[in-house]
């Protein structure tokens, strides 16, 4: 459940350049792990509270900024399952940080940061910076990307740092119109990045090919 307060001029279906809106949202995440026996107040998982700014610019361009504790569902980009597994999407519902989105008639892009751990005695500092986007340079073919930098830092007990960067560059063929279907597409691209253990000053650079239909 969410409580929303809208301010400014809401963006309607017929968006005009210069229109913008401000929104403050507060809510509660209800989560039930089937079969674990939790009841009543144990179902309240996490509080969400965020501010959202949305603006329309000329030539179909649009920008939005969201900050706070916000639902992961506000992200719109495609991310490879190597970067975010289904288990992560299902169990980690919220983002604690900042989400930026920009779109035009042919381009969509987003950049967001999730602060996952604060430095402490036995608690590591952790954050993740992610981006995704897609450029439609024809009605059928698009170029897209999704990438993630996971920073796994130290605590008072552990002082070494591990970095894990992964990027997925792909070409997408949208065949739905040709086939007369609601959705039919083929993604093919490259997965690469680097993994670094700063304690050992060791680099691992994985490279793979991924296709999704």
Foldseek 3Di string as FASTA:
>chain_A
DKDKDKDAADADPPGDAPGKIKMWMKDWQFDDDPPPPDDDPVRGDDIWIKMKIKGAHPQAKIKMKMAAKAFPVVDDFDDDCVVPPPVCVVPVGIAHGMKIWMDHPFKTKIKIKGFDWDAEAATWGKMKIKMKMWGHPDPFKIKIKIKMWIWTADHNVGGWIKIWIKMWIWMKGWCCVVVVHPGDMKIKTKMWTWIATRVVRDIDIDIDIDMDD
